Amino acid sequence: MSKDKIKKHLPTAAVLIVGIAGIALMVLSGGNTSGYASGQLDQFATCLKERGAVFYGAFWCQHCQNEKAFFGSSANLLPYVECSAPDGQTQLSVCTAKKVEGYPTWDFKDGTRLTGEVTLKTLAEKTGCELPAKAK
């Protein structure tokens, strides 16, 4: 294979490797890295959306995968906006318009923004959503 072909396929390979690592993390952690039982954060994730929080991320972003892993099976209820085009090379206009410069990014109803992995406790404090007690 020529160097040009290798360079052409390198971004795709990188995305696949990061995706596989994220899936492995989810499987090994039982779907969640926060210590909550499956589905226990459904109400919390729904509350975040109701309170106007928005989570911007990219499918290839390991920190975004980590953020979702905090929620386990409840991650599908998050107010998540995918910012990456399928090629992993460009940002979608919805995120460009919001001036999202890094991932993950959380925007809140009060106009504030947090970037990087944000703890569940911080999300609860920023939104007033109640974080349930961990299952024993």
C-alpha atoms as a PDB file:
ATOM      1  CA  MET A   1       0.000   0.000   0.000  1.00  0.00           C
ATOM      2  CA  SER A   2       1.347   3.421  -0.910  1.00  0.00           C
ATOM      3  CA  LYS A   3       2.006   6.161   1.629  1.00  0.00           C
ATOM      4  CA  ASP A   4      -0.788   8.261   0.078  1.00  0.00           C
ATOM      5  CA  LYS A   5      -3.317   5.460   0.572  1.00  0.00           C
ATOM      6  CA  ILE A   6      -2.188   4.972   4.159  1.00  0.00           C
ATOM      7  CA  LYS A   7      -2.530   8.702   4.862  1.00  0.00           C
ATOM      8  CA  LYS A   8      -5.988   8.686   3.260  1.00  0.00           C
ATOM      9  CA  HIS A   9      -7.235   5.863   5.507  1.00  0.00           C
ATOM     10  CA  LEU A  10      -5.522   6.945   8.731  1.00  0.00           C
ATOM     11  CA  PRO A  11      -8.407   9.167  10.016  1.00  0.00           C
ATOM     12  CA  THR A  12     -10.894   6.342   9.465  1.00  0.00           C
ATOM     13  CA  ALA A  13      -8.663   3.877  11.297  1.00  0.00           C
ATOM     14  CA  ALA A  14      -8.240   6.317  14.198  1.00  0.00           C
ATOM     15  CA  VAL A  15     -12.020   6.763  14.501  1.00  0.00           C
ATOM     16  CA  LEU A  16     -12.513   2.999  14.521  1.00  0.00           C
ATOM     17  CA  ILE A  17      -9.863   2.473  17.196  1.00  0.00           C
ATOM     18  CA  VAL A  18     -11.365   5.165  19.457  1.00  0.00           C
ATOM     19  CA  GLY A  19     -14.849   3.745  18.909  1.00  0.00           C
ATOM     20  CA  ILE A  20     -13.741   0.230  19.767  1.00  0.00           C
ATOM     21  CA  ALA A  21     -11.985   1.507  22.902  1.00  0.00           C
ATOM     22  CA  GLY A  22     -15.174   3.303  23.956  1.00  0.00           C
ATOM     23  CA  ILE A  23     -17.279   0.193  23.424  1.00  0.00           C
ATOM     24  CA  ALA A  24     -14.757  -1.886  25.362  1.00  0.00           C
ATOM     25  CA  LEU A  25     -14.942   0.596  28.245  1.00  0.00           C
ATOM     26  CA  MET A  26     -18.735   0.376  28.277  1.00  0.00           C
ATOM     27  CA  VAL A  27     -18.720  -3.438  28.208  1.00  0.00           C
ATOM     28  CA  LEU A  28     -16.044  -3.811  30.868  1.00  0.00           C
ATOM     29  CA  SER A  29     -17.764  -1.302  33.156  1.00  0.00           C
ATOM     30  CA  GLY A  30     -21.174  -2.887  32.788  1.00  0.00           C
ATOM     31  CA  GLY A  31     -22.320   0.074  30.695  1.00  0.00           C
ATOM     32  CA  ASN A  32     -21.554   2.694  33.260  1.00  0.00           C
ATOM     33  CA  THR A  33     -18.550   4.054  35.087  1.00  0.00           C
ATOM     34  CA  SER A  34     -20.365   6.064  37.733  1.00  0.00           C
ATOM     35  CA  GLY A  35     -21.342   3.247  40.085  1.00  0.00           C
ATOM     36  CA  TYR A  36     -25.077   3.653  39.434  1.00  0.00           C
ATOM     37  CA  ALA A  37     -27.322   0.741  38.544  1.00  0.00           C
ATOM     38  CA  SER A  38     -28.585   0.386  34.983  1.00  0.00           C
ATOM     39  CA  GLY A  39     -31.347   2.897  34.307  1.00  0.00           C
ATOM     40  CA  GLN A  40     -30.910   4.577  37.679  1.00  0.00           C
ATOM     41  CA  LEU A  41     -29.943   7.859  35.991  1.00  0.00           C
ATOM     42  CA  ASP A  42     -32.902   7.948  33.574  1.00  0.00           C
ATOM     43  CA  GLN A  43     -34.721  10.625  35.579  1.00  0.00           C
ATOM     44  CA  PHE A  44     -31.527  12.641  36.035  1.00  0.00           C
ATOM     45  CA  ALA A  45     -30.715  12.587  32.304  1.00  0.00           C
ATOM     46  CA  THR A  46     -34.300  13.593  31.472  1.00  0.00           C
ATOM     47  CA  CYS A  47     -34.145  16.424  34.002  1.00  0.00           C
ATOM     48  CA  LEU A  48     -30.951  17.771  32.415  1.00  0.00           C
ATOM     49  CA  LYS A  49     -32.807  18.084  29.120  1.00  0.00           C
ATOM     50  CA  GLU A  50     -35.880  19.638  30.757  1.00  0.00           C
ATOM     51  CA  ARG A  51     -33.661  22.212  32.497  1.00  0.00           C
ATOM     52  CA  GLY A  52     -32.107  23.304  29.206  1.00  0.00           C
ATOM     53  CA  ALA A  53     -28.682  21.653  29.432  1.00  0.00           C
ATOM     54  CA  VAL A  54     -27.151  20.619  26.104  1.00  0.00           C
ATOM     55  CA  PHE A  55     -24.233  18.223  25.647  1.00  0.00           C
ATOM     56  CA  TYR A  56     -22.200  18.767  22.451  1.00  0.00           C
ATOM     57  CA  GLY A  57     -19.806  16.039  21.415  1.00  0.00           C
ATOM     58  CA  ALA A  58     -18.294  14.004  18.630  1.00  0.00           C
ATOM     59  CA  PHE A  59     -18.507  10.276  18.018  1.00  0.00           C
ATOM     60  CA  TRP A  60     -14.705   9.996  17.802  1.00  0.00           C
ATOM     61  CA  CYS A  61     -14.081  11.907  21.053  1.00  0.00           C
ATOM     62  CA  GLN A  62     -12.901   9.622  23.877  1.00  0.00           C
ATOM     63  CA  HIS A  63     -13.834  12.201  26.533  1.00  0.00           C
ATOM     64  CA  CYS A  64     -17.365  12.287  25.100  1.00  0.00           C
ATOM     65  CA  GLN A  65     -17.519   8.491  25.331  1.00  0.00           C
ATOM     66  CA  ASN A  66     -16.344   8.737  28.945  1.00  0.00           C
ATOM     67  CA  GLU A  67     -19.033  11.342  29.668  1.00  0.00           C
ATOM     68  CA  LYS A  68     -21.715   9.063  28.217  1.00  0.00           C
ATOM     69  CA  ALA A  69     -20.296   6.119  30.188  1.00  0.00           C
ATOM     70  CA  PHE A  70     -21.023   8.006  33.437  1.00  0.00           C
ATOM     71  CA  PHE A  71     -24.719   7.609  32.521  1.00  0.00           C
ATOM     72  CA  GLY A  72     -24.605   3.960  31.441  1.00  0.00           C
ATOM     73  CA  SER A  73     -27.874   2.896  29.819  1.00  0.00           C
ATOM     74  CA  SER A  74     -29.339   6.330  30.581  1.00  0.00           C
ATOM     75  CA  ALA A  75     -26.963   7.980  28.069  1.00  0.00           C
ATOM     76  CA  ASN A  76     -29.582   7.628  25.320  1.00  0.00           C
ATOM     77  CA  LEU A  77     -31.761  10.117  27.254  1.00  0.00           C
ATOM     78  CA  LEU A  78     -29.109  12.836  27.366  1.00  0.00           C
ATOM     79  CA  PRO A  79     -29.660  16.124  25.532  1.00  0.00           C
ATOM     80  CA  TYR A  80     -26.817  15.192  23.168  1.00  0.00           C
ATOM     81  CA  VAL A  81     -25.927  16.996  19.941  1.00  0.00           C
ATOM     82  CA  GLU A  82     -23.497  15.284  17.570  1.00  0.00           C
ATOM     83  CA  CYS A  83     -21.058  17.868  16.186  1.00  0.00           C
ATOM     84  CA  SER A  84     -18.941  15.764  13.853  1.00  0.00           C
ATOM     85  CA  ALA A  85     -19.676  15.056  10.224  1.00  0.00           C
ATOM     86  CA  PRO A  86     -19.585  11.326   9.419  1.00  0.00           C
ATOM     87  CA  ASP A  87     -16.089  11.714   7.973  1.00  0.00           C
ATOM     88  CA  GLY A  88     -14.786  12.830  11.382  1.00  0.00           C
ATOM     89  CA  GLN A  89     -13.042  15.765   9.731  1.00  0.00           C
ATOM     90  CA  THR A  90     -15.541  18.633   9.843  1.00  0.00           C
ATOM     91  CA  GLN A  91     -17.917  20.149  12.356  1.00  0.00           C
ATOM     92  CA  LEU A  92     -21.638  20.350  11.693  1.00  0.00           C
ATOM     93  CA  SER A  93     -23.174  23.798  11.311  1.00  0.00           C
ATOM     94  CA  VAL A  94     -25.336  23.445  14.440  1.00  0.00           C
ATOM     95  CA  CYS A  95     -22.143  23.327  16.536  1.00  0.00           C
ATOM     96  CA  THR A  96     -20.293  25.947  14.506  1.00  0.00           C
ATOM     97  CA  ALA A  97     -23.215  28.321  15.092  1.00  0.00           C
ATOM     98  CA  LYS A  98     -22.992  27.665  18.852  1.00  0.00           C
ATOM     99  CA  LYS A  99     -19.208  28.275  18.719  1.00  0.00           C
ATOM    100  CA  VAL A 100     -18.388  24.849  20.144  1.00  0.00           C
ATOM    101  CA  GLU A 101     -14.594  24.646  20.060  1.00  0.00           C
ATOM    102  CA  GLY A 102     -13.890  21.448  21.988  1.00  0.00           C
ATOM    103  CA  TYR A 103     -15.553  18.280  23.201  1.00  0.00           C
ATOM    104  CA  PRO A 104     -17.348  17.551  25.342  1.00  0.00           C
ATOM    105  CA  THR A 105     -19.054  20.917  25.824  1.00  0.00           C
ATOM    106  CA  TRP A 106     -22.058  21.481  28.072  1.00  0.00           C
ATOM    107  CA  ASP A 107     -24.227  24.588  27.657  1.00  0.00           C
ATOM    108  CA  PHE A 108     -26.693  25.570  30.364  1.00  0.00           C
ATOM    109  CA  LYS A 109     -29.904  27.589  30.393  1.00  0.00           C
ATOM    110  CA  ASP A 110     -28.225  30.397  32.369  1.00  0.00           C
ATOM    111  CA  GLY A 111     -25.821  30.963  29.436  1.00  0.00           C
ATOM    112  CA  THR A 112     -22.796  29.342  31.075  1.00  0.00           C
ATOM    113  CA  ARG A 113     -20.648  26.689  29.442  1.00  0.00           C
ATOM    114  CA  LEU A 114     -18.372  23.928  30.739  1.00  0.00           C
ATOM    115  CA  THR A 115     -15.888  22.015  28.613  1.00  0.00           C
ATOM    116  CA  GLY A 116     -14.207  18.696  29.225  1.00  0.00           C
ATOM    117  CA  GLU A 117     -15.585  15.806  31.222  1.00  0.00           C
ATOM    118  CA  VAL A 118     -18.097  17.181  33.715  1.00  0.00           C
ATOM    119  CA  THR A 119     -18.983  15.198  36.833  1.00  0.00           C
ATOM    120  CA  LEU A 120     -22.532  14.150  37.602  1.00  0.00           C
ATOM    121  CA  LYS A 121     -22.340  16.199  40.798  1.00  0.00           C
ATOM    122  CA  THR A 122     -21.403  19.340  38.849  1.00  0.00           C
ATOM    123  CA  LEU A 123     -24.240  18.736  36.371  1.00  0.00           C
ATOM    124  CA  ALA A 124     -26.651  18.402  39.296  1.00  0.00           C
ATOM    125  CA  GLU A 125     -25.377  21.643  40.839  1.00  0.00           C
ATOM    126  CA  LYS A 126     -25.574  23.560  37.533  1.00  0.00           C
ATOM    127  CA  THR A 127     -29.129  22.428  36.720  1.00  0.00           C
ATOM    128  CA  GLY A 128     -30.765  21.783  40.075  1.00  0.00           C
ATOM    129  CA  CYS A 129     -31.520  18.222  38.963  1.00  0.00           C
ATOM    130  CA  GLU A 130     -31.493  15.690  41.778  1.00  0.00           C
ATOM    131  CA  LEU A 131     -28.782  13.068  41.577  1.00  0.00           C
ATOM    132  CA  PRO A 132     -30.119   9.787  43.030  1.00  0.00           C
ATOM    133  CA  ALA A 133     -28.320   7.906  45.755  1.00  0.00           C
ATOM    134  CA  LYS A 134     -26.161   5.106  44.381  1.00  0.00           C
ATOM    135  CA  ALA A 135     -27.597   1.596  44.520  1.00  0.00           C
ATOM    136  CA  LYS A 136     -25.968  -0.642  47.113  1.00  0.00           C
END
